[in-house]
PDB file of N, CA and C in Angstrom:
ATOM      1  N   UNK A   1      88.476 131.704 108.124  1.00  0.00           N
ATOM      2  CA  UNK A   1      88.433 130.254 108.019  1.00  0.00           C
ATOM      3  C   UNK A   1      88.917 129.657 109.350  1.00  0.00           C
ATOM      4  N   UNK A   2      88.114 128.783 109.985  1.00  0.00           N
ATOM      5  CA  UNK A   2      88.505 128.194 111.267  1.00  0.00           C
ATOM      6  C   UNK A   2      89.646 127.194 111.096  1.00  0.00           C
ATOM      7  N   UNK A   3      90.480 127.107 112.113  1.00  0.00           N
ATOM      8  CA  UNK A   3      91.611 126.183 112.104  1.00  0.00           C
ATOM      9  C   UNK A   3      91.124 124.813 112.568  1.00  0.00           C
ATOM     10  N   UNK A   4      91.434 123.798 111.786  1.00  0.00           N
ATOM     11  CA  UNK A   4      91.063 122.437 112.129  1.00  0.00           C
ATOM     12  C   UNK A   4      92.111 121.876 113.080  1.00  0.00           C
ATOM     13  N   UNK A   5      91.766 121.807 114.368  1.00  0.00           N
ATOM     14  CA  UNK A   5      92.720 121.375 115.392  1.00  0.00           C
ATOM     15  C   UNK A   5      93.139 119.923 115.231  1.00  0.00           C
ATOM     16  N   UNK A   6      92.269 119.077 114.726  1.00  0.00           N
ATOM     17  CA  UNK A   6      92.639 117.673 114.572  1.00  0.00           C
ATOM     18  C   UNK A   6      93.710 117.502 113.497  1.00  0.00           C
ATOM     19  N   UNK A   7      93.635 118.301 112.443  1.00  0.00           N
ATOM     20  CA  UNK A   7      94.659 118.220 111.392  1.00  0.00           C
ATOM     21  C   UNK A   7      95.989 118.726 111.934  1.00  0.00           C
ATOM     22  N   UNK A   8      95.961 119.833 112.659  1.00  0.00           N
ATOM     23  CA  UNK A   8      97.187 120.368 113.235  1.00  0.00           C
ATOM     24  C   UNK A   8      97.791 119.365 114.210  1.00  0.00           C
ATOM     25  N   UNK A   9      96.970 118.749 115.048  1.00  0.00           N
ATOM     26  CA  UNK A   9      97.467 117.752 116.002  1.00  0.00           C
ATOM     27  C   UNK A   9      98.098 116.570 115.286  1.00  0.00           C
ATOM     28  N   UNK A  10      97.466 116.109 114.216  1.00  0.00           N
ATOM     29  CA  UNK A  10      97.991 114.973 113.461  1.00  0.00           C
ATOM     30  C   UNK A  10      99.345 115.298 112.845  1.00  0.00           C
ATOM     31  N   UNK A  11      99.474 116.495 112.293  1.00  0.00           N
ATOM     32  CA  UNK A  11     100.739 116.908 111.685  1.00  0.00           C
ATOM     33  C   UNK A  11     101.826 117.026 112.748  1.00  0.00           C
ATOM     34  N   UNK A  12     101.513 117.645 113.869  1.00  0.00           N
ATOM     35  CA  UNK A  12     102.497 117.776 114.943  1.00  0.00           C
ATOM     36  C   UNK A  12     102.909 116.423 115.487  1.00  0.00           C
ATOM     37  N   UNK A  13     101.957 115.504 115.627  1.00  0.00           N
ATOM     38  CA  UNK A  13     102.269 114.167 116.113  1.00  0.00           C
ATOM     39  C   UNK A  13     103.187 113.451 115.122  1.00  0.00           C
ATOM     40  N   UNK A  14     102.899 113.559 113.843  1.00  0.00           N
ATOM     41  CA  UNK A  14     103.708 112.884 112.827  1.00  0.00           C
ATOM     42  C   UNK A  14     105.134 113.419 112.829  1.00  0.00           C
ATOM     43  N   UNK A  15     105.280 114.717 112.933  1.00  0.00           N
ATOM     44  CA  UNK A  15     106.613 115.309 112.938  1.00  0.00           C
ATOM     45  C   UNK A  15     107.357 114.947 114.211  1.00  0.00           C
ATOM     46  N   UNK A  16     106.712 115.061 115.339  1.00  0.00           N
ATOM     47  CA  UNK A  16     107.365 114.768 116.614  1.00  0.00           C
ATOM     48  C   UNK A  16     107.685 113.289 116.757  1.00  0.00           C
ATOM     49  N   UNK A  17     106.893 112.418 116.158  1.00  0.00           N
ATOM     50  CA  UNK A  17     107.090 110.988 116.297  1.00  0.00           C
ATOM     51  C   UNK A  17     108.103 110.395 115.349  1.00  0.00           C
ATOM     52  N   UNK A  18     108.518 111.145 114.356  1.00  0.00           N
ATOM     53  CA  UNK A  18     109.463 110.580 113.401  1.00  0.00           C
ATOM     54  C   UNK A  18     110.869 110.569 113.980  1.00  0.00           C
ATOM     55  N   UNK A  19     111.633 109.551 113.643  1.00  0.00           N
ATOM     56  CA  UNK A  19     112.981 109.420 114.187  1.00  0.00           C
ATOM     57  C   UNK A  19     113.870 110.568 113.779  1.00  0.00           C
ATOM     58  N   UNK A  20     113.751 111.014 112.537  1.00  0.00           N
ATOM     59  CA  UNK A  20     114.612 112.102 112.104  1.00  0.00           C
ATOM     60  C   UNK A  20     114.290 113.387 112.851  1.00  0.00           C
ATOM     61  N   UNK A  21     113.026 113.587 113.217  1.00  0.00           N
ATOM     62  CA  UNK A  21     112.656 114.769 113.982  1.00  0.00           C
ATOM     63  C   UNK A  21     113.242 114.704 115.383  1.00  0.00           C
ATOM     64  N   UNK A  22     113.459 113.502 115.907  1.00  0.00           N
ATOM     65  CA  UNK A  22     114.032 113.345 117.238  1.00  0.00           C
ATOM     66  C   UNK A  22     115.552 113.430 117.191  1.00  0.00           C
ATOM     67  N   UNK A  23     116.109 113.595 116.022  1.00  0.00           N
ATOM     68  CA  UNK A  23     117.550 113.726 115.908  1.00  0.00           C
ATOM     69  C   UNK A  23     118.297 112.413 115.774  1.00  0.00           C
ATOM     70  N   UNK A  24     117.608 111.328 115.446  1.00  0.00           N
ATOM     71  CA  UNK A  24     118.280 110.042 115.294  1.00  0.00           C
ATOM     72  C   UNK A  24     119.293 110.121 114.161  1.00  0.00           C
ATOM     73  N   UNK A  25     120.394 109.426 114.341  1.00  0.00           N
ATOM     74  CA  UNK A  25     121.517 109.466 113.421  1.00  0.00           C
ATOM     75  C   UNK A  25     121.647 108.106 112.724  1.00  0.00           C
ATOM     76  N   UNK A  26     121.364 108.084 111.435  1.00  0.00           N
ATOM     77  CA  UNK A  26     121.377 106.847 110.660  1.00  0.00           C
ATOM     78  C   UNK A  26     122.750 106.173 110.664  1.00  0.00           C
ATOM     79  N   UNK A  27     123.795 106.930 110.417  1.00  0.00           N
ATOM     80  CA  UNK A  27     125.146 106.350 110.354  1.00  0.00           C
ATOM     81  C   UNK A  27     125.599 105.826 111.713  1.00  0.00           C
ATOM     82  N   UNK A  28     125.256 106.536 112.761  1.00  0.00           N
ATOM     83  CA  UNK A  28     125.609 106.075 114.110  1.00  0.00           C
ATOM     84  C   UNK A  28     124.838 104.803 114.448  1.00  0.00           C
ATOM     85  N   UNK A  29     123.560 104.750 114.066  1.00  0.00           N
ATOM     86  CA  UNK A  29     122.762 103.554 114.272  1.00  0.00           C
ATOM     87  C   UNK A  29     123.343 102.360 113.532  1.00  0.00           C
ATOM     88  N   UNK A  30     123.790 102.612 112.315  1.00  0.00           N
ATOM     89  CA  UNK A  30     124.413 101.550 111.523  1.00  0.00           C
ATOM     90  C   UNK A  30     125.685 101.047 112.207  1.00  0.00           C
ATOM     91  N   UNK A  31     126.500 101.967 112.682  1.00  0.00           N
ATOM     92  CA  UNK A  31     127.753 101.586 113.342  1.00  0.00           C
ATOM     93  C   UNK A  31     127.479 100.783 114.623  1.00  0.00           C
ATOM     94  N   UNK A  32     126.514 101.234 115.423  1.00  0.00           N
ATOM     95  CA  UNK A  32     126.164 100.492 116.644  1.00  0.00           C
ATOM     96  C   UNK A  32     125.673  99.091 116.288  1.00  0.00           C
ATOM     97  N   UNK A  33     124.816  99.010 115.275  1.00  0.00           N
ATOM     98  CA  UNK A  33     124.289  97.709 114.852  1.00  0.00           C
ATOM     99  C   UNK A  33     125.420  96.794 114.378  1.00  0.00           C
ATOM    100  N   UNK A  34     126.277  97.317 113.514  1.00  0.00           N
ATOM    101  CA  UNK A  34     127.356  96.494 112.966  1.00  0.00           C
ATOM    102  C   UNK A  34     128.357  96.073 114.039  1.00  0.00           C
ATOM    103  N   UNK A  35     128.579  96.913 115.030  1.00  0.00           N
ATOM    104  CA  UNK A  35     129.564  96.605 116.065  1.00  0.00           C
ATOM    105  C   UNK A  35     129.029  95.729 117.190  1.00  0.00           C
ATOM    106  N   UNK A  36     127.711  95.722 117.382  1.00  0.00           N
ATOM    107  CA  UNK A  36     127.170  94.993 118.522  1.00  0.00           C
ATOM    108  C   UNK A  36     126.149  93.913 118.161  1.00  0.00           C
ATOM    109  N   UNK A  37     125.421  94.094 117.100  1.00  0.00           N
ATOM    110  CA  UNK A  37     124.309  93.180 116.795  1.00  0.00           C
ATOM    111  C   UNK A  37     124.685  92.081 115.804  1.00  0.00           C
ATOM    112  N   UNK A  38     125.572  92.388 114.882  1.00  0.00           N
ATOM    113  CA  UNK A  38     125.901  91.412 113.854  1.00  0.00           C
ATOM    114  C   UNK A  38     126.795  90.291 114.353  1.00  0.00           C
ATOM    115  N   UNK A  39     127.206  90.339 115.621  1.00  0.00           N
ATOM    116  CA  UNK A  39     127.946  89.205 116.172  1.00  0.00           C
ATOM    117  C   UNK A  39     127.058  87.973 116.204  1.00  0.00           C
ATOM    118  N   UNK A  40     125.766  88.184 116.460  1.00  0.00           N
ATOM    119  CA  UNK A  40     124.835  87.052 116.581  1.00  0.00           C
ATOM    120  C   UNK A  40     124.042  86.787 115.307  1.00  0.00           C
ATOM    121  N   UNK A  41     123.815  87.798 114.521  1.00  0.00           N
ATOM    122  CA  UNK A  41     123.057  87.601 113.286  1.00  0.00           C
ATOM    123  C   UNK A  41     123.399  88.684 112.274  1.00  0.00           C
ATOM    124  N   UNK A  42     123.179  88.355 111.014  1.00  0.00           N
ATOM    125  CA  UNK A  42     123.435  89.319 109.948  1.00  0.00           C
ATOM    126  C   UNK A  42     122.173  90.145 109.696  1.00  0.00           C
ATOM    127  N   UNK A  43     122.292  91.139 108.885  1.00  0.00           N
ATOM    128  CA  UNK A  43     121.163  92.003 108.537  1.00  0.00           C
ATOM    129  C   UNK A  43     120.055  91.198 107.852  1.00  0.00           C
ATOM    130  N   UNK A  44     120.387  90.031 107.298  1.00  0.00           N
ATOM    131  CA  UNK A  44     119.391  89.195 106.609  1.00  0.00           C
ATOM    132  C   UNK A  44     118.283  88.714 107.537  1.00  0.00           C
ATOM    133  N   UNK A  45     118.547  88.663 108.837  1.00  0.00           N
ATOM    134  CA  UNK A  45     117.541  88.198 109.786  1.00  0.00           C
ATOM    135  C   UNK A  45     116.281  89.077 109.715  1.00  0.00           C
ATOM    136  N   UNK A  46     116.420  90.308 109.310  1.00  0.00           N
ATOM    137  CA  UNK A  46     115.285  91.236 109.274  1.00  0.00           C
ATOM    138  C   UNK A  46     114.388  91.049 108.056  1.00  0.00           C
ATOM    139  N   UNK A  47     114.806  90.245 107.110  1.00  0.00           N
ATOM    140  CA  UNK A  47     113.989  90.030 105.911  1.00  0.00           C
ATOM    141  C   UNK A  47     113.219  88.708 105.945  1.00  0.00           C
ATOM    142  N   UNK A  48     113.266  88.001 107.077  1.00  0.00           N
ATOM    143  CA  UNK A  48     112.507  86.750 107.211  1.00  0.00           C
ATOM    144  C   UNK A  48     111.014  87.024 107.064  1.00  0.00           C
ATOM    145  N   UNK A  49     110.276  86.033 106.586  1.00  0.00           N
ATOM    146  CA  UNK A  49     108.825  86.177 106.476  1.00  0.00           C
ATOM    147  C   UNK A  49     108.191  86.334 107.848  1.00  0.00           C
ATOM    148  N   UNK A  50     108.673  85.614 108.821  1.00  0.00           N
ATOM    149  CA  UNK A  50     108.113  85.636 110.167  1.00  0.00           C
ATOM    150  C   UNK A  50     108.910  86.573 111.080  1.00  0.00           C
ATOM    151  N   UNK A  51     109.218  87.751 110.606  1.00  0.00           N
ATOM    152  CA  UNK A  51     109.986  88.670 111.451  1.00  0.00           C
ATOM    153  C   UNK A  51     109.148  89.121 112.638  1.00  0.00           C
ATOM    154  N   UNK A  52     109.790  89.346 113.754  1.00  0.00           N
ATOM    155  CA  UNK A  52     109.132  89.576 115.028  1.00  0.00           C
ATOM    156  C   UNK A  52     108.438  90.928 115.149  1.00  0.00           C
ATOM    157  N   UNK A  53     109.097  92.050 114.912  1.00  0.00           N
ATOM    158  CA  UNK A  53     108.412  93.331 115.140  1.00  0.00           C
ATOM    159  C   UNK A  53     107.294  93.571 114.131  1.00  0.00           C
ATOM    160  N   UNK A  54     106.175  94.017 114.656  1.00  0.00           N
ATOM    161  CA  UNK A  54     105.025  94.316 113.804  1.00  0.00           C
ATOM    162  C   UNK A  54     104.840  95.817 113.580  1.00  0.00           C
ATOM    163  N   UNK A  55     105.554  96.612 114.376  1.00  0.00           N
ATOM    164  CA  UNK A  55     105.455  98.066 114.254  1.00  0.00           C
ATOM    165  C   UNK A  55     106.690  98.686 114.902  1.00  0.00           C
ATOM    166  N   UNK A  56     106.755 100.003 114.858  1.00  0.00           N
ATOM    167  CA  UNK A  56     107.919 100.717 115.376  1.00  0.00           C
ATOM    168  C   UNK A  56     108.097 100.527 116.880  1.00  0.00           C
ATOM    169  N   UNK A  57     107.004 100.468 117.618  1.00  0.00           N
ATOM    170  CA  UNK A  57     107.108 100.242 119.069  1.00  0.00           C
ATOM    171  C   UNK A  57     107.691  98.859 119.368  1.00  0.00           C
ATOM    172  N   UNK A  58     107.273  97.833 118.608  1.00  0.00           N
ATOM    173  CA  UNK A  58     107.841  96.494 118.777  1.00  0.00           C
ATOM    174  C   UNK A  58     109.344  96.505 118.479  1.00  0.00           C
ATOM    175  N   UNK A  59     109.716  97.183 117.405  1.00  0.00           N
ATOM    176  CA  UNK A  59     111.124  97.248 117.020  1.00  0.00           C
ATOM    177  C   UNK A  59     111.948  97.904 118.125  1.00  0.00           C
ATOM    178  N   UNK A  60     111.455  99.000 118.670  1.00  0.00           N
ATOM    179  CA  UNK A  60     112.155  99.692 119.752  1.00  0.00           C
ATOM    180  C   UNK A  60     112.286  98.768 120.978  1.00  0.00           C
ATOM    181  N   UNK A  61     111.225  98.053 121.303  1.00  0.00           N
ATOM    182  CA  UNK A  61     111.249  97.148 122.448  1.00  0.00           C
ATOM    183  C   UNK A  61     112.271  96.029 122.242  1.00  0.00           C
ATOM    184  N   UNK A  62     112.373  95.520 121.027  1.00  0.00           N
ATOM    185  CA  UNK A  62     113.318  94.442 120.727  1.00  0.00           C
ATOM    186  C   UNK A  62     114.758  94.945 120.830  1.00  0.00           C
ATOM    187  N   UNK A  63     115.021  96.105 120.250  1.00  0.00           N
ATOM    188  CA  UNK A  63     116.369  96.674 120.333  1.00  0.00           C
ATOM    189  C   UNK A  63     116.742  96.903 121.801  1.00  0.00           C
ATOM    190  N   UNK A  64     115.813  97.448 122.566  1.00  0.00           N
ATOM    191  CA  UNK A  64     116.079  97.692 123.980  1.00  0.00           C
ATOM    192  C   UNK A  64     116.304  96.380 124.734  1.00  0.00           C
ATOM    193  N   UNK A  65     115.471  95.389 124.469  1.00  0.00           N
ATOM    194  CA  UNK A  65     115.625  94.088 125.124  1.00  0.00           C
ATOM    195  C   UNK A  65     117.018  93.512 124.881  1.00  0.00           C
ATOM    196  N   UNK A  66     117.447  93.499 123.621  1.00  0.00           N
ATOM    197  CA  UNK A  66     118.721  92.869 123.298  1.00  0.00           C
ATOM    198  C   UNK A  66     119.908  93.674 123.786  1.00  0.00           C
ATOM    199  N   UNK A  67     119.791  94.998 123.801  1.00  0.00           N
ATOM    200  CA  UNK A  67     120.924  95.764 124.322  1.00  0.00           C
ATOM    201  C   UNK A  67     121.061  95.527 125.821  1.00  0.00           C
ATOM    202  N   UNK A  68     119.916  95.320 126.523  1.00  0.00           N
ATOM    203  CA  UNK A  68     119.990  95.002 127.952  1.00  0.00           C
ATOM    204  C   UNK A  68     120.526  93.597 128.169  1.00  0.00           C
ATOM    205  N   UNK A  69     120.108  92.641 127.317  1.00  0.00           N
ATOM    206  CA  UNK A  69     120.596  91.262 127.420  1.00  0.00           C
ATOM    207  C   UNK A  69     122.117  91.201 127.265  1.00  0.00           C
ATOM    208  N   UNK A  70     122.645  92.072 126.427  1.00  0.00           N
ATOM    209  CA  UNK A  70     124.082  92.096 126.157  1.00  0.00           C
ATOM    210  C   UNK A  70     124.845  93.060 127.072  1.00  0.00           C
ATOM    211  N   UNK A  71     124.142  93.666 128.040  1.00  0.00           N
ATOM    212  CA  UNK A  71     124.747  94.625 128.976  1.00  0.00           C
ATOM    213  C   UNK A  71     125.487  95.757 128.268  1.00  0.00           C
ATOM    214  N   UNK A  72     124.854  96.283 127.224  1.00  0.00           N
ATOM    215  CA  UNK A  72     125.481  97.357 126.466  1.00  0.00           C
ATOM    216  C   UNK A  72     125.294  98.731 127.115  1.00  0.00           C
ATOM    217  N   UNK A  73     124.299  98.847 127.972  1.00  0.00           N
ATOM    218  CA  UNK A  73     124.014 100.123 128.644  1.00  0.00           C
ATOM    219  C   UNK A  73     123.842 101.282 127.663  1.00  0.00           C
ATOM    220  N   UNK A  74     123.093 101.024 126.583  1.00  0.00           N
ATOM    221  CA  UNK A  74     122.853 102.075 125.598  1.00  0.00           C
ATOM    222  C   UNK A  74     121.947 103.147 126.168  1.00  0.00           C
ATOM    223  N   UNK A  75     122.179 104.357 125.732  1.00  0.00           N
ATOM    224  CA  UNK A  75     121.306 105.476 126.078  1.00  0.00           C
ATOM    225  C   UNK A  75     120.056 105.430 125.200  1.00  0.00           C
ATOM    226  N   UNK A  76     119.086 106.260 125.524  1.00  0.00           N
ATOM    227  CA  UNK A  76     117.885 106.376 124.688  1.00  0.00           C
ATOM    228  C   UNK A  76     118.281 106.772 123.265  1.00  0.00           C
ATOM    229  N   UNK A  77     119.272 107.642 123.148  1.00  0.00           N
ATOM    230  CA  UNK A  77     119.724 108.088 121.824  1.00  0.00           C
ATOM    231  C   UNK A  77     120.352 106.937 121.043  1.00  0.00           C
ATOM    232  N   UNK A  78     121.116 106.085 121.717  1.00  0.00           N
ATOM    233  CA  UNK A  78     121.696 104.920 121.047  1.00  0.00           C
ATOM    234  C   UNK A  78     120.587 104.022 120.496  1.00  0.00           C
ATOM    235  N   UNK A  79     119.599 103.765 121.328  1.00  0.00           N
ATOM    236  CA  UNK A  79     118.469 102.925 120.910  1.00  0.00           C
ATOM    237  C   UNK A  79     117.734 103.586 119.752  1.00  0.00           C
ATOM    238  N   UNK A  80     117.470 104.893 119.864  1.00  0.00           N
ATOM    239  CA  UNK A  80     116.806 105.623 118.774  1.00  0.00           C
ATOM    240  C   UNK A  80     117.589 105.506 117.472  1.00  0.00           C
ATOM    241  N   UNK A  81     118.910 105.618 117.543  1.00  0.00           N
ATOM    242  CA  UNK A  81     119.738 105.539 116.337  1.00  0.00           C
ATOM    243  C   UNK A  81     119.651 104.162 115.690  1.00  0.00           C
ATOM    244  N   UNK A  82     119.704 103.103 116.483  1.00  0.00           N
ATOM    245  CA  UNK A  82     119.627 101.747 115.929  1.00  0.00           C
ATOM    246  C   UNK A  82     118.231 101.481 115.372  1.00  0.00           C
ATOM    247  N   UNK A  83     117.202 101.917 116.085  1.00  0.00           N
ATOM    248  CA  UNK A  83     115.829 101.766 115.589  1.00  0.00           C
ATOM    249  C   UNK A  83     115.659 102.527 114.277  1.00  0.00           C
ATOM    250  N   UNK A  84     116.178 103.733 114.218  1.00  0.00           N
ATOM    251  CA  UNK A  84     116.092 104.537 112.990  1.00  0.00           C
ATOM    252  C   UNK A  84     116.806 103.836 111.835  1.00  0.00           C
ATOM    253  N   UNK A  85     118.001 103.308 112.107  1.00  0.00           N
ATOM    254  CA  UNK A  85     118.741 102.578 111.079  1.00  0.00           C
ATOM    255  C   UNK A  85     117.952 101.368 110.584  1.00  0.00           C
ATOM    256  N   UNK A  86     117.472 100.547 111.512  1.00  0.00           N
ATOM    257  CA  UNK A  86     116.737  99.342 111.113  1.00  0.00           C
ATOM    258  C   UNK A  86     115.423  99.689 110.415  1.00  0.00           C
ATOM    259  N   UNK A  87     114.719 100.675 110.921  1.00  0.00           N
ATOM    260  CA  UNK A  87     113.458 101.043 110.300  1.00  0.00           C
ATOM    261  C   UNK A  87     113.685 101.602 108.899  1.00  0.00           C
ATOM    262  N   UNK A  88     114.706 102.405 108.729  1.00  0.00           N
ATOM    263  CA  UNK A  88     114.991 103.016 107.437  1.00  0.00           C
ATOM    264  C   UNK A  88     115.474 101.990 106.421  1.00  0.00           C
ATOM    265  N   UNK A  89     116.286 101.054 106.855  1.00  0.00           N
ATOM    266  CA  UNK A  89     116.898 100.107 105.913  1.00  0.00           C
ATOM    267  C   UNK A  89     116.136  98.796 105.749  1.00  0.00           C
ATOM    268  N   UNK A  90     115.283  98.431 106.744  1.00  0.00           N
ATOM    269  CA  UNK A  90     114.643  97.126 106.698  1.00  0.00           C
ATOM    270  C   UNK A  90     113.131  97.123 106.825  1.00  0.00           C
ATOM    271  N   UNK A  91     112.585  97.892 107.743  1.00  0.00           N
ATOM    272  CA  UNK A  91     111.181  97.717 108.118  1.00  0.00           C
ATOM    273  C   UNK A  91     110.226  98.742 107.503  1.00  0.00           C
ATOM    274  N   UNK A  92     110.600  99.991 107.498  1.00  0.00           N
ATOM    275  CA  UNK A  92     109.755 101.059 106.936  1.00  0.00           C
ATOM    276  C   UNK A  92     108.378 101.167 107.564  1.00  0.00           C
ATOM    277  N   UNK A  93     108.331 101.216 108.881  1.00  0.00           N
ATOM    278  CA  UNK A  93     107.056 101.377 109.585  1.00  0.00           C
ATOM    279  C   UNK A  93     106.625 102.819 109.553  1.00  0.00           C
TER     280      UNK A  93
END
């Protein structure tokens, strides 16, 4: 039976693209969010009808934008953790 390369590629992409596969830490993301983001807004901001991010890439860009605006100097892992937390608890992209 021949191996369907497109199916294998899709599965590998899905696994590699998931936050948990990248090692994102939900609790650490929550702590970063609560310690740095909730000064300006509560978690309720993410449930608005007109919420800004339309997908995971938008969410990552927004988290990165705001961490730079606040001079937090977060690492890629910090951003991944906050994105993972927000996506898991609010957005589900």
